[in-house]
Amino acid sequence: MADYSSPSFQITINNLKIMASEWLYEVVDELVQLCGLRYGYVRNEATRLERTLRDLRSASLMFSNDRLSKANGKLVFVDGKYR
């Protein structure tokens, strides 16, 4: 059974959020470039990538990735696994 309050679990979750917010944004940005502005960024189109791009961009801004990285740095010292 996983201990969800353990520092190593929190580090893993923080890293997952950081990677997802960076990589997924890059993937959708690439899709917009492939589709072009006419199809990838127009609100009326079926692809609707503009909303996904906006939401993914805000993920790294709303709860800053820098803040999560700093928290991970502090958690490493608390976690016995990294001693």
PDB file of N, CA and C in Angstrom:
ATOM      1  N   MET A   1       0.842  -1.174   0.000  1.00  0.00           N
ATOM      2  CA  MET A   1       0.000   0.000   0.000  1.00  0.00           C
ATOM      3  C   MET A   1       0.890   1.241   0.000  1.00  0.00           C
ATOM      4  N   ALA A   2       0.617   2.148  -0.889  1.00  0.00           N
ATOM      5  CA  ALA A   2       1.426   3.361  -1.011  1.00  0.00           C
ATOM      6  C   ALA A   2       1.078   4.350   0.104  1.00  0.00           C
ATOM      7  N   ASP A   3       2.095   5.017   0.591  1.00  0.00           N
ATOM      8  CA  ASP A   3       1.900   6.075   1.580  1.00  0.00           C
ATOM      9  C   ASP A   3       1.872   7.398   0.828  1.00  0.00           C
ATOM     10  N   TYR A   4       0.672   7.945   0.629  1.00  0.00           N
ATOM     11  CA  TYR A   4       0.502   9.143  -0.190  1.00  0.00           C
ATOM     12  C   TYR A   4       1.067  10.402   0.467  1.00  0.00           C
ATOM     13  N   SER A   5       1.367  10.342   1.740  1.00  0.00           N
ATOM     14  CA  SER A   5       1.929  11.505   2.413  1.00  0.00           C
ATOM     15  C   SER A   5       3.452  11.454   2.480  1.00  0.00           C
ATOM     16  N   SER A   6       4.047  10.381   1.963  1.00  0.00           N
ATOM     17  CA  SER A   6       5.506  10.264   2.039  1.00  0.00           C
ATOM     18  C   SER A   6       6.177  11.256   1.092  1.00  0.00           C
ATOM     19  N   PRO A   7       7.359  11.742   1.467  1.00  0.00           N
ATOM     20  CA  PRO A   7       8.079  12.675   0.605  1.00  0.00           C
ATOM     21  C   PRO A   7       8.391  12.103  -0.776  1.00  0.00           C
ATOM     22  N   SER A   8       8.727  10.821  -0.859  1.00  0.00           N
ATOM     23  CA  SER A   8       9.068  10.256  -2.168  1.00  0.00           C
ATOM     24  C   SER A   8       7.845  10.221  -3.089  1.00  0.00           C
ATOM     25  N   PHE A   9       6.653   9.972  -2.541  1.00  0.00           N
ATOM     26  CA  PHE A   9       5.437  10.016  -3.350  1.00  0.00           C
ATOM     27  C   PHE A   9       5.160  11.439  -3.824  1.00  0.00           C
ATOM     28  N   GLN A  10       5.333  12.414  -2.940  1.00  0.00           N
ATOM     29  CA  GLN A  10       5.114  13.816  -3.315  1.00  0.00           C
ATOM     30  C   GLN A  10       6.099  14.264  -4.397  1.00  0.00           C
ATOM     31  N   ILE A  11       7.346  13.835  -4.300  1.00  0.00           N
ATOM     32  CA  ILE A  11       8.350  14.152  -5.319  1.00  0.00           C
ATOM     33  C   ILE A  11       7.935  13.566  -6.665  1.00  0.00           C
ATOM     34  N   THR A  12       7.469  12.320  -6.647  1.00  0.00           N
ATOM     35  CA  THR A  12       7.035  11.659  -7.884  1.00  0.00           C
ATOM     36  C   THR A  12       5.860  12.392  -8.516  1.00  0.00           C
ATOM     37  N   ILE A  13       4.879  12.764  -7.719  1.00  0.00           N
ATOM     38  CA  ILE A  13       3.705  13.480  -8.229  1.00  0.00           C
ATOM     39  C   ILE A  13       4.104  14.858  -8.757  1.00  0.00           C
ATOM     40  N   ASN A  14       4.966  15.563  -8.053  1.00  0.00           N
ATOM     41  CA  ASN A  14       5.428  16.873  -8.515  1.00  0.00           C
ATOM     42  C   ASN A  14       6.160  16.750  -9.851  1.00  0.00           C
ATOM     43  N   ASN A  15       7.030  15.740  -9.962  1.00  0.00           N
ATOM     44  CA  ASN A  15       7.756  15.536 -11.221  1.00  0.00           C
ATOM     45  C   ASN A  15       6.809  15.189 -12.362  1.00  0.00           C
ATOM     46  N   LEU A  16       5.794  14.393 -12.078  1.00  0.00           N
ATOM     47  CA  LEU A  16       4.801  14.044 -13.088  1.00  0.00           C
ATOM     48  C   LEU A  16       4.067  15.285 -13.590  1.00  0.00           C
ATOM     49  N   LYS A  17       3.678  16.158 -12.685  1.00  0.00           N
ATOM     50  CA  LYS A  17       2.986  17.388 -13.060  1.00  0.00           C
ATOM     51  C   LYS A  17       3.886  18.291 -13.888  1.00  0.00           C
ATOM     52  N   ILE A  18       5.145  18.409 -13.500  1.00  0.00           N
ATOM     53  CA  ILE A  18       6.084  19.256 -14.238  1.00  0.00           C
ATOM     54  C   ILE A  18       6.288  18.717 -15.649  1.00  0.00           C
ATOM     55  N   MET A  19       6.550  17.423 -15.755  1.00  0.00           N
ATOM     56  CA  MET A  19       6.780  16.828 -17.084  1.00  0.00           C
ATOM     57  C   MET A  19       5.536  16.919 -17.953  1.00  0.00           C
ATOM     58  N   ALA A  20       4.371  16.638 -17.379  1.00  0.00           N
ATOM     59  CA  ALA A  20       3.138  16.679 -18.164  1.00  0.00           C
ATOM     60  C   ALA A  20       2.852  18.082 -18.667  1.00  0.00           C
ATOM     61  N   SER A  21       3.014  19.080 -17.816  1.00  0.00           N
ATOM     62  CA  SER A  21       2.712  20.451 -18.238  1.00  0.00           C
ATOM     63  C   SER A  21       3.675  20.949 -19.304  1.00  0.00           C
ATOM     64  N   GLU A  22       4.900  20.461 -19.306  1.00  0.00           N
ATOM     65  CA  GLU A  22       5.875  20.892 -20.317  1.00  0.00           C
ATOM     66  C   GLU A  22       5.746  20.088 -21.605  1.00  0.00           C
ATOM     67  N   TRP A  23       5.686  18.781 -21.486  1.00  0.00           N
ATOM     68  CA  TRP A  23       5.679  17.919 -22.679  1.00  0.00           C
ATOM     69  C   TRP A  23       4.365  17.990 -23.439  1.00  0.00           C
ATOM     70  N   LEU A  24       3.253  17.970 -22.721  1.00  0.00           N
ATOM     71  CA  LEU A  24       1.965  18.023 -23.404  1.00  0.00           C
ATOM     72  C   LEU A  24       1.780  19.351 -24.133  1.00  0.00           C
ATOM     73  N   TYR A  25       2.244  20.439 -23.525  1.00  0.00           N
ATOM     74  CA  TYR A  25       2.167  21.736 -24.197  1.00  0.00           C
ATOM     75  C   TYR A  25       2.978  21.701 -25.493  1.00  0.00           C
ATOM     76  N   GLU A  26       4.169  21.127 -25.442  1.00  0.00           N
ATOM     77  CA  GLU A  26       5.001  21.038 -26.652  1.00  0.00           C
ATOM     78  C   GLU A  26       4.322  20.203 -27.737  1.00  0.00           C
ATOM     79  N   VAL A  27       3.667  19.119 -27.349  1.00  0.00           N
ATOM     80  CA  VAL A  27       2.988  18.251 -28.323  1.00  0.00           C
ATOM     81  C   VAL A  27       1.838  18.997 -28.990  1.00  0.00           C
ATOM     82  N   VAL A  28       1.000  19.661 -28.200  1.00  0.00           N
ATOM     83  CA  VAL A  28      -0.146  20.373 -28.778  1.00  0.00           C
ATOM     84  C   VAL A  28       0.323  21.564 -29.596  1.00  0.00           C
ATOM     85  N   ASP A  29       1.370  22.237 -29.158  1.00  0.00           N
ATOM     86  CA  ASP A  29       1.933  23.336 -29.944  1.00  0.00           C
ATOM     87  C   ASP A  29       2.408  22.839 -31.308  1.00  0.00           C
ATOM     88  N   GLU A  30       3.023  21.667 -31.318  1.00  0.00           N
ATOM     89  CA  GLU A  30       3.464  21.066 -32.574  1.00  0.00           C
ATOM     90  C   GLU A  30       2.261  20.709 -33.457  1.00  0.00           C
ATOM     91  N   LEU A  31       1.196  20.207 -32.851  1.00  0.00           N
ATOM     92  CA  LEU A  31      -0.022  19.903 -33.609  1.00  0.00           C
ATOM     93  C   LEU A  31      -0.616  21.158 -34.240  1.00  0.00           C
ATOM     94  N   VAL A  32      -0.621  22.253 -33.500  1.00  0.00           N
ATOM     95  CA  VAL A  32      -1.120  23.516 -34.048  1.00  0.00           C
ATOM     96  C   VAL A  32      -0.268  23.936 -35.233  1.00  0.00           C
ATOM     97  N   GLN A  33       1.043  23.769 -35.119  1.00  0.00           N
ATOM     98  CA  GLN A  33       1.924  24.125 -36.227  1.00  0.00           C
ATOM     99  C   GLN A  33       1.689  23.219 -37.431  1.00  0.00           C
ATOM    100  N   LEU A  34       1.450  21.936 -37.179  1.00  0.00           N
ATOM    101  CA  LEU A  34       1.182  21.014 -38.282  1.00  0.00           C
ATOM    102  C   LEU A  34      -0.147  21.321 -38.969  1.00  0.00           C
ATOM    103  N   CYS A  35      -1.163  21.633 -38.181  1.00  0.00           N
ATOM    104  CA  CYS A  35      -2.479  21.942 -38.745  1.00  0.00           C
ATOM    105  C   CYS A  35      -2.508  23.328 -39.372  1.00  0.00           C
ATOM    106  N   GLY A  36      -1.634  24.174 -38.907  1.00  0.00           N
ATOM    107  CA  GLY A  36      -1.636  25.552 -39.378  1.00  0.00           C
ATOM    108  C   GLY A  36      -2.631  26.382 -38.600  1.00  0.00           C
ATOM    109  N   LEU A  37      -2.505  27.689 -38.696  1.00  0.00           N
ATOM    110  CA  LEU A  37      -3.393  28.572 -37.952  1.00  0.00           C
ATOM    111  C   LEU A  37      -4.838  28.454 -38.416  1.00  0.00           C
ATOM    112  N   ARG A  38      -5.030  28.113 -39.672  1.00  0.00           N
ATOM    113  CA  ARG A  38      -6.398  28.033 -40.186  1.00  0.00           C
ATOM    114  C   ARG A  38      -7.202  26.927 -39.502  1.00  0.00           C
ATOM    115  N   TYR A  39      -6.596  25.776 -39.252  1.00  0.00           N
ATOM    116  CA  TYR A  39      -7.336  24.650 -38.682  1.00  0.00           C
ATOM    117  C   TYR A  39      -6.993  24.382 -37.221  1.00  0.00           C
ATOM    118  N   GLY A  40      -5.804  24.715 -36.805  1.00  0.00           N
ATOM    119  CA  GLY A  40      -5.378  24.364 -35.455  1.00  0.00           C
ATOM    120  C   GLY A  40      -5.732  25.372 -34.395  1.00  0.00           C
ATOM    121  N   TYR A  41      -6.003  26.621 -34.793  1.00  0.00           N
ATOM    122  CA  TYR A  41      -6.182  27.652 -33.782  1.00  0.00           C
ATOM    123  C   TYR A  41      -7.492  28.410 -33.932  1.00  0.00           C
ATOM    124  N   VAL A  42      -8.311  28.031 -34.887  1.00  0.00           N
ATOM    125  CA  VAL A  42      -9.589  28.695 -35.081  1.00  0.00           C
ATOM    126  C   VAL A  42     -10.622  28.063 -34.163  1.00  0.00           C
ATOM    127  N   ARG A  43     -11.388  28.873 -33.474  1.00  0.00           N
ATOM    128  CA  ARG A  43     -12.357  28.370 -32.505  1.00  0.00           C
ATOM    129  C   ARG A  43     -13.489  27.574 -33.145  1.00  0.00           C
ATOM    130  N   ASN A  44     -13.818  27.852 -34.381  1.00  0.00           N
ATOM    131  CA  ASN A  44     -14.967  27.206 -35.016  1.00  0.00           C
ATOM    132  C   ASN A  44     -14.652  25.824 -35.573  1.00  0.00           C
ATOM    133  N   GLU A  45     -13.410  25.437 -35.598  1.00  0.00           N
ATOM    134  CA  GLU A  45     -13.023  24.167 -36.205  1.00  0.00           C
ATOM    135  C   GLU A  45     -13.254  22.996 -35.254  1.00  0.00           C
ATOM    136  N   ALA A  46     -13.355  21.826 -35.824  1.00  0.00           N
ATOM    137  CA  ALA A  46     -13.594  20.617 -35.029  1.00  0.00           C
ATOM    138  C   ALA A  46     -12.380  20.226 -34.188  1.00  0.00           C
ATOM    139  N   THR A  47     -11.180  20.620 -34.607  1.00  0.00           N
ATOM    140  CA  THR A  47      -9.977  20.238 -33.868  1.00  0.00           C
ATOM    141  C   THR A  47      -9.882  20.930 -32.517  1.00  0.00           C
ATOM    142  N   ARG A  48     -10.274  22.167 -32.426  1.00  0.00           N
ATOM    143  CA  ARG A  48     -10.302  22.934 -31.181  1.00  0.00           C
ATOM    144  C   ARG A  48      -9.021  22.817 -30.363  1.00  0.00           C
ATOM    145  N   LEU A  49      -7.911  22.908 -31.011  1.00  0.00           N
ATOM    146  CA  LEU A  49      -6.637  22.810 -30.305  1.00  0.00           C
ATOM    147  C   LEU A  49      -6.330  24.072 -29.504  1.00  0.00           C
ATOM    148  N   GLU A  50      -6.962  25.186 -29.858  1.00  0.00           N
ATOM    149  CA  GLU A  50      -6.654  26.445 -29.176  1.00  0.00           C
ATOM    150  C   GLU A  50      -6.978  26.363 -27.697  1.00  0.00           C
ATOM    151  N   ARG A  51      -8.087  25.724 -27.349  1.00  0.00           N
ATOM    152  CA  ARG A  51      -8.470  25.599 -25.938  1.00  0.00           C
ATOM    153  C   ARG A  51      -7.511  24.673 -25.194  1.00  0.00           C
ATOM    154  N   THR A  52      -7.154  23.570 -25.818  1.00  0.00           N
ATOM    155  CA  THR A  52      -6.207  22.638 -25.206  1.00  0.00           C
ATOM    156  C   THR A  52      -4.861  23.310 -24.991  1.00  0.00           C
ATOM    157  N   LEU A  53      -4.407  24.060 -25.991  1.00  0.00           N
ATOM    158  CA  LEU A  53      -3.133  24.774 -25.878  1.00  0.00           C
ATOM    159  C   LEU A  53      -3.178  25.786 -24.735  1.00  0.00           C
ATOM    160  N   ARG A  54      -4.275  26.514 -24.643  1.00  0.00           N
ATOM    161  CA  ARG A  54      -4.425  27.514 -23.575  1.00  0.00           C
ATOM    162  C   ARG A  54      -4.430  26.842 -22.202  1.00  0.00           C
ATOM    163  N   ASP A  55      -5.194  25.756 -22.073  1.00  0.00           N
ATOM    164  CA  ASP A  55      -5.281  25.073 -20.785  1.00  0.00           C
ATOM    165  C   ASP A  55      -3.943  24.470 -20.357  1.00  0.00           C
ATOM    166  N   LEU A  56      -3.232  23.902 -21.315  1.00  0.00           N
ATOM    167  CA  LEU A  56      -1.928  23.311 -20.990  1.00  0.00           C
ATOM    168  C   LEU A  56      -0.902  24.382 -20.645  1.00  0.00           C
ATOM    169  N   ARG A  57      -0.980  25.520 -21.300  1.00  0.00           N
ATOM    170  CA  ARG A  57      -0.052  26.612 -20.994  1.00  0.00           C
ATOM    171  C   ARG A  57      -0.297  27.144 -19.592  1.00  0.00           C
ATOM    172  N   SER A  58      -1.560  27.228 -19.217  1.00  0.00           N
ATOM    173  CA  SER A  58      -1.875  27.766 -17.894  1.00  0.00           C
ATOM    174  C   SER A  58      -1.472  26.813 -16.776  1.00  0.00           C
ATOM    175  N   ALA A  59      -1.329  25.517 -17.081  1.00  0.00           N
ATOM    176  CA  ALA A  59      -0.963  24.543 -16.048  1.00  0.00           C
ATOM    177  C   ALA A  59       0.383  24.859 -15.426  1.00  0.00           C
ATOM    178  N   SER A  60       1.335  25.307 -16.243  1.00  0.00           N
ATOM    179  CA  SER A  60       2.660  25.617 -15.689  1.00  0.00           C
ATOM    180  C   SER A  60       2.695  27.000 -15.042  1.00  0.00           C
ATOM    181  N   LEU A  61       1.670  27.821 -15.283  1.00  0.00           N
ATOM    182  CA  LEU A  61       1.636  29.160 -14.710  1.00  0.00           C
ATOM    183  C   LEU A  61       0.807  29.226 -13.426  1.00  0.00           C
ATOM    184  N   MET A  62      -0.293  28.477 -13.377  1.00  0.00           N
ATOM    185  CA  MET A  62      -1.200  28.545 -12.227  1.00  0.00           C
ATOM    186  C   MET A  62      -0.507  28.038 -10.957  1.00  0.00           C
ATOM    187  N   PHE A  63       0.097  26.903 -11.050  1.00  0.00           N
ATOM    188  CA  PHE A  63       0.892  26.376  -9.943  1.00  0.00           C
ATOM    189  C   PHE A  63       2.284  26.171 -10.518  1.00  0.00           C
ATOM    190  N   SER A  64       3.103  27.140 -10.350  1.00  0.00           N
ATOM    191  CA  SER A  64       4.381  27.258 -11.036  1.00  0.00           C
ATOM    192  C   SER A  64       5.260  26.015 -10.928  1.00  0.00           C
ATOM    193  N   ASN A  65       5.825  25.633 -12.070  1.00  0.00           N
ATOM    194  CA  ASN A  65       6.763  24.511 -12.088  1.00  0.00           C
ATOM    195  C   ASN A  65       8.005  24.821 -11.258  1.00  0.00           C
ATOM    196  N   ASP A  66       8.404  26.084 -11.221  1.00  0.00           N
ATOM    197  CA  ASP A  66       9.543  26.473 -10.391  1.00  0.00           C
ATOM    198  C   ASP A  66       9.247  26.210  -8.918  1.00  0.00           C
ATOM    199  N   ARG A  67       8.022  26.477  -8.524  1.00  0.00           N
ATOM    200  CA  ARG A  67       7.624  26.258  -7.137  1.00  0.00           C
ATOM    201  C   ARG A  67       7.653  24.770  -6.798  1.00  0.00           C
ATOM    202  N   LEU A  68       7.221  23.944  -7.732  1.00  0.00           N
ATOM    203  CA  LEU A  68       7.252  22.500  -7.512  1.00  0.00           C
ATOM    204  C   LEU A  68       8.686  21.985  -7.452  1.00  0.00           C
ATOM    205  N   SER A  69       9.550  22.532  -8.282  1.00  0.00           N
ATOM    206  CA  SER A  69      10.959  22.123  -8.268  1.00  0.00           C
ATOM    207  C   SER A  69      11.615  22.485  -6.934  1.00  0.00           C
ATOM    208  N   LYS A  70      11.302  23.656  -6.422  1.00  0.00           N
ATOM    209  CA  LYS A  70      11.835  24.062  -5.116  1.00  0.00           C
ATOM    210  C   LYS A  70      11.314  23.153  -4.008  1.00  0.00           C
ATOM    211  N   ALA A  71      10.016  22.816  -4.091  1.00  0.00           N
ATOM    212  CA  ALA A  71       9.437  21.910  -3.093  1.00  0.00           C
ATOM    213  C   ALA A  71      10.117  20.553  -3.154  1.00  0.00           C
ATOM    214  N   ASN A  72      10.407  20.074  -4.368  1.00  0.00           N
ATOM    215  CA  ASN A  72      11.106  18.792  -4.511  1.00  0.00           C
ATOM    216  C   ASN A  72      12.489  18.855  -3.890  1.00  0.00           C
ATOM    217  N   GLY A  73      13.171  19.965  -4.063  1.00  0.00           N
ATOM    218  CA  GLY A  73      14.495  20.117  -3.465  1.00  0.00           C
ATOM    219  C   GLY A  73      14.453  20.002  -1.952  1.00  0.00           C
ATOM    220  N   LYS A  74      13.426  20.580  -1.347  1.00  0.00           N
ATOM    221  CA  LYS A  74      13.274  20.495   0.113  1.00  0.00           C
ATOM    222  C   LYS A  74      12.870  19.083   0.540  1.00  0.00           C
ATOM    223  N   LEU A  75      11.996  18.451  -0.250  1.00  0.00           N
ATOM    224  CA  LEU A  75      11.529  17.109   0.097  1.00  0.00           C
ATOM    225  C   LEU A  75      12.644  16.064   0.021  1.00  0.00           C
ATOM    226  N   VAL A  76      13.622  16.289  -0.835  1.00  0.00           N
ATOM    227  CA  VAL A  76      14.737  15.348  -0.967  1.00  0.00           C
ATOM    228  C   VAL A  76      15.497  15.244   0.359  1.00  0.00           C
ATOM    229  N   PHE A  77      15.626  16.358   1.068  1.00  0.00           N
ATOM    230  CA  PHE A  77      16.352  16.338   2.336  1.00  0.00           C
ATOM    231  C   PHE A  77      15.547  15.636   3.431  1.00  0.00           C
ATOM    232  N   VAL A  78      14.225  15.649   3.330  1.00  0.00           N
ATOM    233  CA  VAL A  78      13.373  15.017   4.330  1.00  0.00           C
ATOM    234  C   VAL A  78      13.262  13.520   4.097  1.00  0.00           C
ATOM    235  N   ASP A  79      13.283  13.127   2.827  1.00  0.00           N
ATOM    236  CA  ASP A  79      13.078  11.735   2.461  1.00  0.00           C
ATOM    237  C   ASP A  79      14.330  10.920   2.767  1.00  0.00           C
ATOM    238  N   GLY A  80      14.168   9.851   3.525  1.00  0.00           N
ATOM    239  CA  GLY A  80      15.296   8.991   3.877  1.00  0.00           C
ATOM    240  C   GLY A  80      15.844   8.205   2.713  1.00  0.00           C
ATOM    241  N   LYS A  81      15.074   8.075   1.657  1.00  0.00           N
ATOM    242  CA  LYS A  81      15.477   7.307   0.475  1.00  0.00           C
ATOM    243  C   LYS A  81      16.691   7.937  -0.222  1.00  0.00           C
ATOM    244  N   TYR A  82      16.850   9.240  -0.092  1.00  0.00           N
ATOM    245  CA  TYR A  82      17.927   9.932  -0.811  1.00  0.00           C
ATOM    246  C   TYR A  82      19.126  10.252   0.073  1.00  0.00           C
ATOM    247  N   ARG A  83      19.147   9.746   1.279  1.00  0.00           N
ATOM    248  CA  ARG A  83      20.283  10.021   2.178  1.00  0.00           C
ATOM    249  C   ARG A  83      21.429   9.106   1.946  1.00  0.00           C
TER     250      ARG A  83
END
